C-alpha atoms as a PDB file:
ATOM      1  CA  UNK A   1       0.131 -15.058 -10.593  1.00  0.00           C
ATOM      2  CA  UNK A   2      -1.283 -11.882 -11.984  1.00  0.00           C
ATOM      3  CA  UNK A   3      -4.358 -10.038 -10.850  1.00  0.00           C
ATOM      4  CA  UNK A   4      -5.414  -7.251 -13.173  1.00  0.00           C
ATOM      5  CA  UNK A   5      -1.993  -7.534 -14.842  1.00  0.00           C
ATOM      6  CA  UNK A   6      -0.182  -6.994 -11.493  1.00  0.00           C
ATOM      7  CA  UNK A   7       1.496  -9.326  -9.215  1.00  0.00           C
ATOM      8  CA  UNK A   8       2.411  -9.357  -5.480  1.00  0.00           C
ATOM      9  CA  UNK A   9       6.160  -9.952  -4.790  1.00  0.00           C
ATOM     10  CA  UNK A  10       5.469 -13.337  -3.264  1.00  0.00           C
ATOM     11  CA  UNK A  11       2.773 -14.497  -5.694  1.00  0.00           C
ATOM     12  CA  UNK A  12       5.062 -17.386  -6.788  1.00  0.00           C
ATOM     13  CA  UNK A  13       4.337 -20.951  -5.823  1.00  0.00           C
ATOM     14  CA  UNK A  14       6.019 -24.297  -6.407  1.00  0.00           C
ATOM     15  CA  UNK A  15       4.514 -27.250  -7.947  1.00  0.00           C
ATOM     16  CA  UNK A  16       5.982 -30.754  -8.700  1.00  0.00           C
ATOM     17  CA  UNK A  17       4.101 -32.561 -11.411  1.00  0.00           C
ATOM     18  CA  UNK A  18       6.059 -35.745 -10.820  1.00  0.00           C
ATOM     19  CA  UNK A  19       4.641 -36.124  -7.311  1.00  0.00           C
ATOM     20  CA  UNK A  20       1.711 -33.737  -6.761  1.00  0.00           C
ATOM     21  CA  UNK A  21      -1.715 -34.845  -7.776  1.00  0.00           C
ATOM     22  CA  UNK A  22      -4.471 -32.517  -8.923  1.00  0.00           C
ATOM     23  CA  UNK A  23      -5.958 -32.249  -5.393  1.00  0.00           C
ATOM     24  CA  UNK A  24      -2.561 -31.012  -4.043  1.00  0.00           C
ATOM     25  CA  UNK A  25      -2.152 -28.602  -7.008  1.00  0.00           C
ATOM     26  CA  UNK A  26      -5.597 -27.213  -6.376  1.00  0.00           C
ATOM     27  CA  UNK A  27      -4.795 -26.744  -2.737  1.00  0.00           C
ATOM     28  CA  UNK A  28      -1.577 -24.891  -3.486  1.00  0.00           C
ATOM     29  CA  UNK A  29      -3.424 -22.614  -5.897  1.00  0.00           C
ATOM     30  CA  UNK A  30      -6.145 -21.945  -3.425  1.00  0.00           C
ATOM     31  CA  UNK A  31      -3.673 -21.090  -0.644  1.00  0.00           C
ATOM     32  CA  UNK A  32      -1.760 -18.538  -2.935  1.00  0.00           C
ATOM     33  CA  UNK A  33      -5.128 -16.937  -4.161  1.00  0.00           C
ATOM     34  CA  UNK A  34      -6.365 -16.593  -0.557  1.00  0.00           C
ATOM     35  CA  UNK A  35      -2.977 -15.132   0.468  1.00  0.00           C
ATOM     36  CA  UNK A  36      -3.296 -12.459  -2.251  1.00  0.00           C
ATOM     37  CA  UNK A  37      -7.024 -11.828  -1.389  1.00  0.00           C
ATOM     38  CA  UNK A  38      -6.188 -11.376   2.288  1.00  0.00           C
ATOM     39  CA  UNK A  39      -3.487  -8.885   1.449  1.00  0.00           C
ATOM     40  CA  UNK A  40      -5.576  -7.072  -1.102  1.00  0.00           C
ATOM     41  CA  UNK A  41      -8.500  -6.934   1.200  1.00  0.00           C
ATOM     42  CA  UNK A  42      -6.578  -4.466   3.431  1.00  0.00           C
ATOM     43  CA  UNK A  43      -6.568  -1.815   0.702  1.00  0.00           C
ATOM     44  CA  UNK A  44      -9.196   1.029   1.133  1.00  0.00           C
ATOM     45  CA  UNK A  45      -9.783   1.629  -2.608  1.00  0.00           C
ATOM     46  CA  UNK A  46     -10.001  -1.916  -4.152  1.00  0.00           C
ATOM     47  CA  UNK A  47     -10.784  -1.958  -7.825  1.00  0.00           C
ATOM     48  CA  UNK A  48     -12.624  -5.070  -8.876  1.00  0.00           C
ATOM     49  CA  UNK A  49     -10.469  -7.995 -10.023  1.00  0.00           C
ATOM     50  CA  UNK A  50     -11.228  -8.380 -13.708  1.00  0.00           C
ATOM     51  CA  UNK A  51      -8.343 -10.607 -14.884  1.00  0.00           C
ATOM     52  CA  UNK A  52      -6.384 -13.439 -13.443  1.00  0.00           C
ATOM     53  CA  UNK A  53      -3.437 -15.027 -15.134  1.00  0.00           C
ATOM     54  CA  UNK A  54      -1.207 -17.915 -14.075  1.00  0.00           C
ATOM     55  CA  UNK A  55       2.075 -18.371 -15.838  1.00  0.00           C
ATOM     56  CA  UNK A  56       5.136 -20.566 -15.562  1.00  0.00           C
ATOM     57  CA  UNK A  57       8.635 -20.399 -17.052  1.00  0.00           C
ATOM     58  CA  UNK A  58       9.441 -23.907 -15.715  1.00  0.00           C
ATOM     59  CA  UNK A  59       9.165 -26.022 -18.765  1.00  0.00           C
ATOM     60  CA  UNK A  60      11.534 -28.364 -20.624  1.00  0.00           C
ATOM     61  CA  UNK A  61      11.239 -29.608 -24.135  1.00  0.00           C
ATOM     62  CA  UNK A  62      11.002 -33.427 -24.364  1.00  0.00           C
ATOM     63  CA  UNK A  63      13.304 -33.456 -27.425  1.00  0.00           C
ATOM     64  CA  UNK A  64      15.915 -31.294 -25.858  1.00  0.00           C
ATOM     65  CA  UNK A  65      15.072 -28.388 -28.005  1.00  0.00           C
ATOM     66  CA  UNK A  66      15.588 -24.850 -26.580  1.00  0.00           C
ATOM     67  CA  UNK A  67      13.004 -22.799 -24.981  1.00  0.00           C
ATOM     68  CA  UNK A  68      13.801 -19.172 -24.613  1.00  0.00           C
ATOM     69  CA  UNK A  69      14.075 -18.172 -20.957  1.00  0.00           C
ATOM     70  CA  UNK A  70      11.572 -15.280 -21.503  1.00  0.00           C
ATOM     71  CA  UNK A  71       8.851 -17.751 -22.698  1.00  0.00           C
ATOM     72  CA  UNK A  72       6.004 -18.202 -20.302  1.00  0.00           C
ATOM     73  CA  UNK A  73       3.182 -20.609 -20.517  1.00  0.00           C
ATOM     74  CA  UNK A  74      -0.389 -20.144 -19.230  1.00  0.00           C
ATOM     75  CA  UNK A  75      -1.221 -22.880 -16.705  1.00  0.00           C
ATOM     76  CA  UNK A  76      -4.926 -22.253 -17.023  1.00  0.00           C
ATOM     77  CA  UNK A  77      -6.157 -24.840 -19.511  1.00  0.00           C
ATOM     78  CA  UNK A  78      -3.007 -26.835 -19.135  1.00  0.00           C
ATOM     79  CA  UNK A  79      -2.625 -27.548 -15.473  1.00  0.00           C
ATOM     80  CA  UNK A  80      -5.848 -26.174 -14.025  1.00  0.00           C
ATOM     81  CA  UNK A  81      -9.211 -25.919 -15.830  1.00  0.00           C
ATOM     82  CA  UNK A  82     -10.810 -22.480 -16.190  1.00  0.00           C
ATOM     83  CA  UNK A  83     -13.723 -23.641 -14.198  1.00  0.00           C
ATOM     84  CA  UNK A  84     -11.440 -24.691 -11.209  1.00  0.00           C
ATOM     85  CA  UNK A  85      -9.701 -21.363 -11.241  1.00  0.00           C
ATOM     86  CA  UNK A  86     -12.901 -19.357 -11.566  1.00  0.00           C
ATOM     87  CA  UNK A  87     -14.520 -21.314  -8.687  1.00  0.00           C
ATOM     88  CA  UNK A  88     -11.543 -20.660  -6.448  1.00  0.00           C
ATOM     89  CA  UNK A  89     -11.438 -17.038  -7.262  1.00  0.00           C
ATOM     90  CA  UNK A  90     -15.135 -16.580  -6.685  1.00  0.00           C
ATOM     91  CA  UNK A  91     -15.045 -18.373  -3.241  1.00  0.00           C
ATOM     92  CA  UNK A  92     -11.992 -16.501  -2.004  1.00  0.00           C
ATOM     93  CA  UNK A  93     -13.150 -13.101  -3.276  1.00  0.00           C
ATOM     94  CA  UNK A  94     -16.471 -13.700  -1.267  1.00  0.00           C
ATOM     95  CA  UNK A  95     -14.624 -14.837   1.732  1.00  0.00           C
ATOM     96  CA  UNK A  96     -12.399 -11.693   1.791  1.00  0.00           C
ATOM     97  CA  UNK A  97     -15.149  -9.366   0.414  1.00  0.00           C
ATOM     98  CA  UNK A  98     -13.085  -8.496  -2.700  1.00  0.00           C
ATOM     99  CA  UNK A  99     -15.016  -7.161  -5.731  1.00  0.00           C
ATOM    100  CA  UNK A 100     -14.760  -9.591  -8.634  1.00  0.00           C
ATOM    101  CA  UNK A 101     -15.880  -8.893 -12.074  1.00  0.00           C
ATOM    102  CA  UNK A 102     -13.934 -11.548 -14.080  1.00  0.00           C
ATOM    103  CA  UNK A 103     -13.764 -10.906 -17.887  1.00  0.00           C
ATOM    104  CA  UNK A 104     -14.403 -14.059 -19.971  1.00  0.00           C
ATOM    105  CA  UNK A 105     -11.077 -15.712 -20.570  1.00  0.00           C
ATOM    106  CA  UNK A 106      -9.971 -16.092 -24.217  1.00  0.00           C
ATOM    107  CA  UNK A 107      -9.582 -19.764 -25.105  1.00  0.00           C
END
């Protein structure tokens, strides 16, 4: 997870598409975003959050082709909708009083 292009050391979270349904995946994402917002809320000079990115390296090719280890895939639009992510960001930013000025995501 990247907020304004930066990540917190423990901004990683695990998901298991074989057993987790969408509700569980949304809960995991909300928990991690809330964790970041709580941490960021302790800063005195908080710049508004303008960008949020969610990447994963954990993919396998179904035809056993090779995927370079440095390749990362954006989970927004693949695992989560942009609307789901934006809603969570807005709700958690309000809860922790974090300034949020999200740029429109490129599709």
